[in-house]
């Protein structure tokens, strides 16, 4: 089925990028071992309720080679418009600074956006992501913006997201997440499945896992790190101790406990052995990128949708 974009009035407030410093003489923060280095950092601006509205992602430390200083290079940024209850109305991601080469000044290049649907209780049910303005080359006009994919949530008996399925524009399954919670109601793990298995039927026991993530919590029970695994190790069995850590995120908070920065650590490649690189499927990377459950964004915000 073809979904036509809805076009709300789009208030846009220009916000300045924030830069925070962190511990460590090299600006790399808090690596868990020497084989990982800081590869990207995202700085968040939150509203008074702790929900993020702006996320600026820096993908290069600049000429001084030190992260979290004033010359870090912006790679992209995302904005979220919200209802009074903090549910999202519009998510937008900008991939370029526009003709003048200056970020966050009004002429930046929009790359994709997402519109949402909720039930009467405010639970997010679906989201529709558009990544092309269509033949008229104008976003949000004419109803010809091209659908990239869309997602659908299912909830458990406790009204927590239990499964998120991402569909292609032709309604075929692209991949899906299964979410797991601990006794305190915190999401601590998520599995990603991207193939239906030998029987070619989705959502049964032979679906093929592509990746999973786990959270580490701090002494206050808040998300501290998020670890991603894309390989089950030499034995081919997931979650048995030899899975290969692909990358991880470290969350930094303000005095209110709201996340203000998210540092992404990636495997280190020595000079002369290629640049920082890791072959990762893009679609498996951002777990809970659509998450908007109670408190979820304050615990672990995400620049993704």
Protein backbone atom coordinates (compact mmCIF):
# COMPACT_ATOMS: atom_id res chain seq x y z
CA UNK A 1 0.00 0.00 0.00
CA UNK A 2 1.15 3.56 -0.70
CA UNK A 3 1.06 6.04 2.16
CA UNK A 4 0.68 9.71 1.36
CA UNK A 5 2.52 12.17 3.56
CA UNK A 6 0.51 14.47 5.78
CA UNK A 7 1.81 18.01 5.81
CA UNK A 8 1.48 19.88 9.09
CA UNK A 9 2.62 23.42 9.64
CA UNK A 10 6.32 23.08 10.44
CA UNK A 11 7.59 25.55 13.02
CA UNK A 12 11.38 25.57 12.94
CA UNK A 13 13.48 27.20 15.58
CA UNK A 14 17.14 27.68 14.86
CA UNK A 15 19.21 26.36 17.72
CA UNK A 16 22.92 26.71 18.26
CA UNK A 17 25.07 23.62 18.61
CA UNK A 18 26.33 22.91 22.11
CA UNK A 19 29.77 21.52 22.84
CA UNK A 20 30.62 19.84 26.15
CA UNK A 21 34.02 18.74 27.36
CA UNK A 22 34.64 15.44 29.10
CA UNK A 23 37.32 13.64 31.07
CA UNK A 24 40.47 12.29 29.50
CA UNK A 25 43.41 14.31 28.24
CA UNK A 26 42.79 13.26 24.63
CA UNK A 27 39.09 14.12 24.74
CA UNK A 28 38.13 10.53 24.05
CA UNK A 29 36.07 10.16 27.21
CA UNK A 30 35.56 6.74 28.73
CA UNK A 31 36.67 3.84 26.50
CA UNK A 32 36.23 0.42 28.08
CA UNK A 33 39.41 -0.93 26.45
CA UNK A 34 42.24 0.28 24.24
CA UNK A 35 40.92 -1.44 21.10
CA UNK A 36 38.08 1.09 20.81
CA UNK A 37 38.31 4.80 20.06
CA UNK A 38 35.79 7.60 19.89
CA UNK A 39 34.44 7.75 16.35
CA UNK A 40 31.42 10.02 16.63
CA UNK A 41 29.66 12.15 19.23
CA UNK A 42 26.12 13.53 19.40
CA UNK A 43 25.15 16.51 21.57
CA UNK A 44 21.52 16.85 22.68
CA UNK A 45 19.35 19.78 23.55
CA UNK A 46 16.36 18.83 25.70
CA UNK A 47 13.08 20.49 26.57
CA UNK A 48 12.10 21.21 30.19
CA UNK A 49 10.66 17.69 30.52
CA UNK A 50 13.91 16.03 29.45
CA UNK A 51 12.87 15.00 25.94
CA UNK A 52 15.37 15.83 23.22
CA UNK A 53 14.49 18.35 20.52
CA UNK A 54 17.85 18.82 18.80
CA UNK A 55 20.72 16.36 18.30
CA UNK A 56 23.90 17.50 16.56
CA UNK A 57 26.26 14.73 15.47
CA UNK A 58 29.97 15.42 15.02
CA UNK A 59 31.93 12.89 12.96
CA UNK A 60 35.43 14.38 13.03
CA UNK A 61 37.44 15.96 15.90
CA UNK A 62 38.69 18.78 13.67
CA UNK A 63 42.18 20.11 13.06
CA UNK A 64 43.27 19.79 16.70
CA UNK A 65 42.50 16.05 16.68
CA UNK A 66 40.72 16.35 20.05
CA UNK A 67 37.04 15.56 20.52
CA UNK A 68 34.59 17.84 22.34
CA UNK A 69 36.36 21.05 21.44
CA UNK A 70 35.08 23.98 19.39
CA UNK A 71 36.47 22.79 16.03
CA UNK A 72 34.69 19.41 15.95
CA UNK A 73 33.10 18.89 12.53
CA UNK A 74 29.33 18.54 12.20
CA UNK A 75 28.25 15.56 10.11
CA UNK A 76 24.47 15.85 10.45
CA UNK A 77 21.75 16.82 12.90
CA UNK A 78 18.18 15.88 13.76
CA UNK A 79 15.25 17.82 15.18
CA UNK A 80 11.99 16.69 16.77
CA UNK A 81 8.75 18.66 16.99
CA UNK A 82 6.50 17.58 19.87
CA UNK A 83 2.97 17.79 21.15
CA UNK A 84 2.33 19.22 24.66
CA UNK A 85 2.45 15.64 26.02
CA UNK A 86 5.92 15.21 24.43
CA UNK A 87 4.80 12.72 21.79
CA UNK A 88 6.49 13.40 18.48
CA UNK A 89 4.77 15.06 15.55
CA UNK A 90 7.75 15.32 13.21
CA UNK A 91 11.33 14.04 13.15
CA UNK A 92 13.73 15.55 10.60
CA UNK A 93 17.34 14.81 9.72
CA UNK A 94 19.64 17.23 7.88
CA UNK A 95 22.61 15.90 5.94
CA UNK A 96 24.22 19.11 4.66
CA UNK A 97 24.81 22.76 5.61
CA UNK A 98 23.33 24.25 2.43
CA UNK A 99 24.92 26.51 -0.16
CA UNK A 100 26.57 28.83 2.37
CA UNK A 101 28.34 25.97 4.15
CA UNK A 102 27.00 27.02 7.56
CA UNK A 103 25.09 24.52 9.71
CA UNK A 104 21.88 25.32 11.61
CA UNK A 105 21.11 28.58 9.89
CA UNK A 106 17.94 27.84 7.91
CA UNK A 107 19.20 26.65 4.51
CA UNK A 108 20.45 23.22 5.62
CA UNK A 109 19.74 20.20 3.43
CA UNK A 110 16.90 18.00 4.63
CA UNK A 111 17.60 14.32 4.00
CA UNK A 112 14.60 12.55 5.52
CA UNK A 113 11.72 12.99 7.91
CA UNK A 114 9.20 10.89 9.81
CA UNK A 115 5.51 11.39 10.66
CA UNK A 116 3.78 9.44 13.44
CA UNK A 117 0.44 7.90 14.35
CA UNK A 118 -0.79 7.26 17.91
CA UNK A 119 -3.73 5.60 19.59
CA UNK A 120 -6.09 7.43 21.94
CA UNK A 121 -3.78 6.64 24.88
CA UNK A 122 -0.78 8.33 23.27
CA UNK A 123 1.03 5.10 22.39
CA UNK A 124 3.05 5.33 19.20
CA UNK A 125 1.61 2.86 16.70
CA UNK A 126 3.23 3.68 13.37
CA UNK A 127 5.74 6.00 11.74
CA UNK A 128 6.33 6.83 8.07
CA UNK A 129 9.79 7.84 6.86
CA UNK A 130 10.24 9.85 3.67
CA UNK A 131 13.65 10.37 2.06
CA UNK A 132 12.96 12.09 -1.27
CA UNK A 133 10.90 15.20 -2.09
CA UNK A 134 9.55 13.65 -5.30
CA UNK A 135 9.37 15.04 -8.85
CA UNK A 136 8.55 18.58 -7.67
CA UNK A 137 11.81 18.58 -5.62
CA UNK A 138 9.99 20.35 -2.77
CA UNK A 139 9.55 18.73 0.63
CA UNK A 140 6.12 18.68 2.28
CA UNK A 141 4.32 19.95 -0.81
CA UNK A 142 2.28 18.20 -3.47
CA UNK A 143 1.96 14.87 -1.66
CA UNK A 144 4.68 13.27 -3.81
CA UNK A 145 7.39 12.79 -1.19
CA UNK A 146 8.80 9.27 -1.54
CA UNK A 147 8.27 6.76 1.25
CA UNK A 148 11.50 5.10 2.38
CA UNK A 149 10.00 2.68 4.92
CA UNK A 150 7.54 2.58 7.78
CA UNK A 151 7.39 0.90 11.17
CA UNK A 152 4.69 -0.62 13.35
CA UNK A 153 4.78 -1.22 17.12
CA UNK A 154 3.26 -4.02 19.16
CA UNK A 155 2.89 -3.75 22.97
CA UNK A 156 2.96 -6.29 25.78
CA UNK A 157 0.51 -6.73 28.66
CA UNK A 158 2.34 -3.98 30.58
CA UNK A 159 1.93 -1.53 27.68
CA UNK A 160 5.64 -1.69 26.84
CA UNK A 161 6.90 -1.97 23.25
CA UNK A 162 7.50 -5.68 22.64
CA UNK A 163 8.13 -5.72 18.89
CA UNK A 164 8.88 -3.13 16.25
CA UNK A 165 8.62 -4.16 12.61
CA UNK A 166 10.08 -2.08 9.80
CA UNK A 167 8.39 -2.50 6.42
CA UNK A 168 9.45 -1.58 2.90
CA UNK A 169 7.13 0.67 0.88
CA UNK A 170 5.64 -2.47 -0.76
CA UNK A 171 4.62 -3.73 2.73
CA UNK A 172 7.23 -6.51 2.81
CA UNK A 173 9.12 -6.94 6.08
CA UNK A 174 12.53 -5.30 6.12
CA UNK A 175 13.60 -6.34 9.64
CA UNK A 176 12.25 -6.28 13.17
CA UNK A 177 13.24 -5.78 16.81
CA UNK A 178 12.20 -7.82 19.85
CA UNK A 179 12.57 -5.93 23.15
CA UNK A 180 13.32 -7.44 26.58
CA UNK A 181 12.79 -5.90 30.03
CA UNK A 182 14.17 -6.62 33.48
CA UNK A 183 12.25 -6.81 36.76
CA UNK A 184 12.46 -3.04 37.14
CA UNK A 185 10.77 -2.51 33.80
CA UNK A 186 13.93 -1.27 32.09
CA UNK A 187 14.66 -2.36 28.56
CA UNK A 188 18.00 -4.16 28.86
CA UNK A 189 18.29 -6.04 25.56
CA UNK A 190 17.02 -6.05 22.00
CA UNK A 191 17.30 -8.60 19.20
CA UNK A 192 17.26 -7.74 15.49
CA UNK A 193 16.00 -10.22 12.88
CA UNK A 194 16.46 -9.50 9.18
CA UNK A 195 15.62 -12.80 7.44
CA UNK A 196 12.57 -15.10 7.73
CA UNK A 197 14.56 -18.35 7.75
CA UNK A 198 14.24 -21.50 5.66
CA UNK A 199 10.44 -21.55 5.74
CA UNK A 200 10.33 -17.97 4.37
CA UNK A 201 7.74 -17.08 7.03
CA UNK A 202 8.39 -14.12 9.32
CA UNK A 203 7.88 -14.04 13.08
CA UNK A 204 8.53 -17.67 13.95
CA UNK A 205 11.36 -19.62 15.55
CA UNK A 206 13.63 -19.95 12.51
CA UNK A 207 13.96 -16.25 11.75
CA UNK A 208 17.61 -15.25 11.36
CA UNK A 209 19.14 -12.93 13.95
CA UNK A 210 21.30 -10.17 12.51
CA UNK A 211 22.40 -8.39 15.69
CA UNK A 212 21.57 -7.61 19.28
CA UNK A 213 22.33 -4.94 21.86
CA UNK A 214 22.50 -4.81 25.65
CA UNK A 215 22.49 -1.95 28.16
CA UNK A 216 24.78 -1.34 31.09
CA UNK A 217 23.22 0.71 33.90
CA UNK A 218 24.83 3.08 36.37
CA UNK A 219 24.41 3.02 40.16
CA UNK A 220 21.17 5.01 39.81
CA UNK A 221 19.69 2.46 37.43
CA UNK A 222 20.02 4.70 34.39
CA UNK A 223 21.49 3.74 31.02
CA UNK A 224 25.28 4.17 31.01
CA UNK A 225 26.44 2.24 27.93
CA UNK A 226 24.83 0.40 25.07
CA UNK A 227 26.75 -2.47 23.45
CA UNK A 228 26.11 -3.70 19.90
CA UNK A 229 26.99 -7.20 18.64
CA UNK A 230 26.76 -8.08 14.94
CA UNK A 231 28.60 -11.42 14.95
CA UNK A 232 27.92 -14.58 17.02
CA UNK A 233 31.60 -15.53 17.12
CA UNK A 234 33.42 -18.59 15.84
CA UNK A 235 30.82 -21.07 17.10
CA UNK A 236 27.97 -19.33 15.29
CA UNK A 237 25.86 -19.26 18.47
CA UNK A 238 24.51 -15.95 19.75
CA UNK A 239 24.83 -14.76 23.34
CA UNK A 240 27.15 -17.43 24.71
CA UNK A 241 30.24 -15.46 25.62
CA UNK A 242 32.26 -15.28 22.41
CA UNK A 243 30.16 -12.78 20.47
CA UNK A 244 32.20 -9.98 18.93
CA UNK A 245 31.58 -6.48 20.26
CA UNK A 246 31.05 -4.28 17.19
CA UNK A 247 30.69 -0.86 18.82
CA UNK A 248 29.24 0.81 21.88
CA UNK A 249 27.72 4.08 23.06
CA UNK A 250 28.49 5.97 26.28
CA UNK A 251 25.80 8.31 27.66
CA UNK A 252 26.58 11.53 29.54
CA UNK A 253 23.96 13.29 31.68
CA UNK A 254 23.32 16.67 33.23
CA UNK A 255 22.38 17.34 36.87
CA UNK A 256 18.77 16.39 36.13
CA UNK A 257 19.78 13.00 34.77
CA UNK A 258 18.90 13.98 31.19
CA UNK A 259 21.28 12.79 28.48
CA UNK A 260 23.20 15.67 26.93
CA UNK A 261 25.80 13.72 24.98
CA UNK A 262 26.15 10.30 23.39
CA UNK A 263 29.65 9.10 22.41
CA UNK A 264 30.05 6.30 19.91
CA UNK A 265 33.15 4.08 20.20
CA UNK A 266 34.36 1.97 17.30
CA UNK A 267 37.24 -0.49 16.77
CA UNK A 268 40.63 1.11 16.35
CA UNK A 269 42.55 0.72 13.09
CA UNK A 270 46.27 1.59 13.39
CA UNK A 271 47.74 4.18 10.99
CA UNK A 272 48.65 2.56 7.70
CA UNK A 273 46.00 -0.09 8.16
CA UNK A 274 43.11 1.93 6.82
CA UNK A 275 40.93 4.51 8.52
CA UNK A 276 38.41 3.81 11.24
CA UNK A 277 36.10 1.37 9.56
CA UNK A 278 33.66 -1.40 10.28
CA UNK A 279 31.38 -3.08 7.80
CA UNK A 280 27.96 -2.70 9.36
CA UNK A 281 24.50 -2.90 7.88
CA UNK A 282 23.02 0.54 8.44
CA UNK A 283 19.54 -0.68 9.27
CA UNK A 284 20.68 -2.88 12.15
CA UNK A 285 22.56 -0.11 13.93
CA UNK A 286 20.01 2.04 15.73
CA UNK A 287 18.02 0.10 18.28
CA UNK A 288 15.11 1.93 19.91
CA UNK A 289 15.47 4.66 17.32
CA UNK A 290 11.68 4.89 17.24
CA UNK A 291 11.20 4.39 20.97
CA UNK A 292 8.85 6.83 22.64
CA UNK A 293 7.57 4.85 25.60
CA UNK A 294 7.24 6.44 29.06
CA UNK A 295 10.66 7.85 29.98
CA UNK A 296 12.44 6.03 27.17
CA UNK A 297 13.86 9.11 25.50
CA UNK A 298 15.06 10.52 28.81
CA UNK A 299 16.92 7.28 29.51
CA UNK A 300 18.35 6.69 26.06
CA UNK A 301 17.62 9.35 23.42
CA UNK A 302 18.39 8.61 19.83
CA UNK A 303 18.91 10.73 16.76
CA UNK A 304 17.14 8.06 14.73
CA UNK A 305 13.45 8.72 14.07
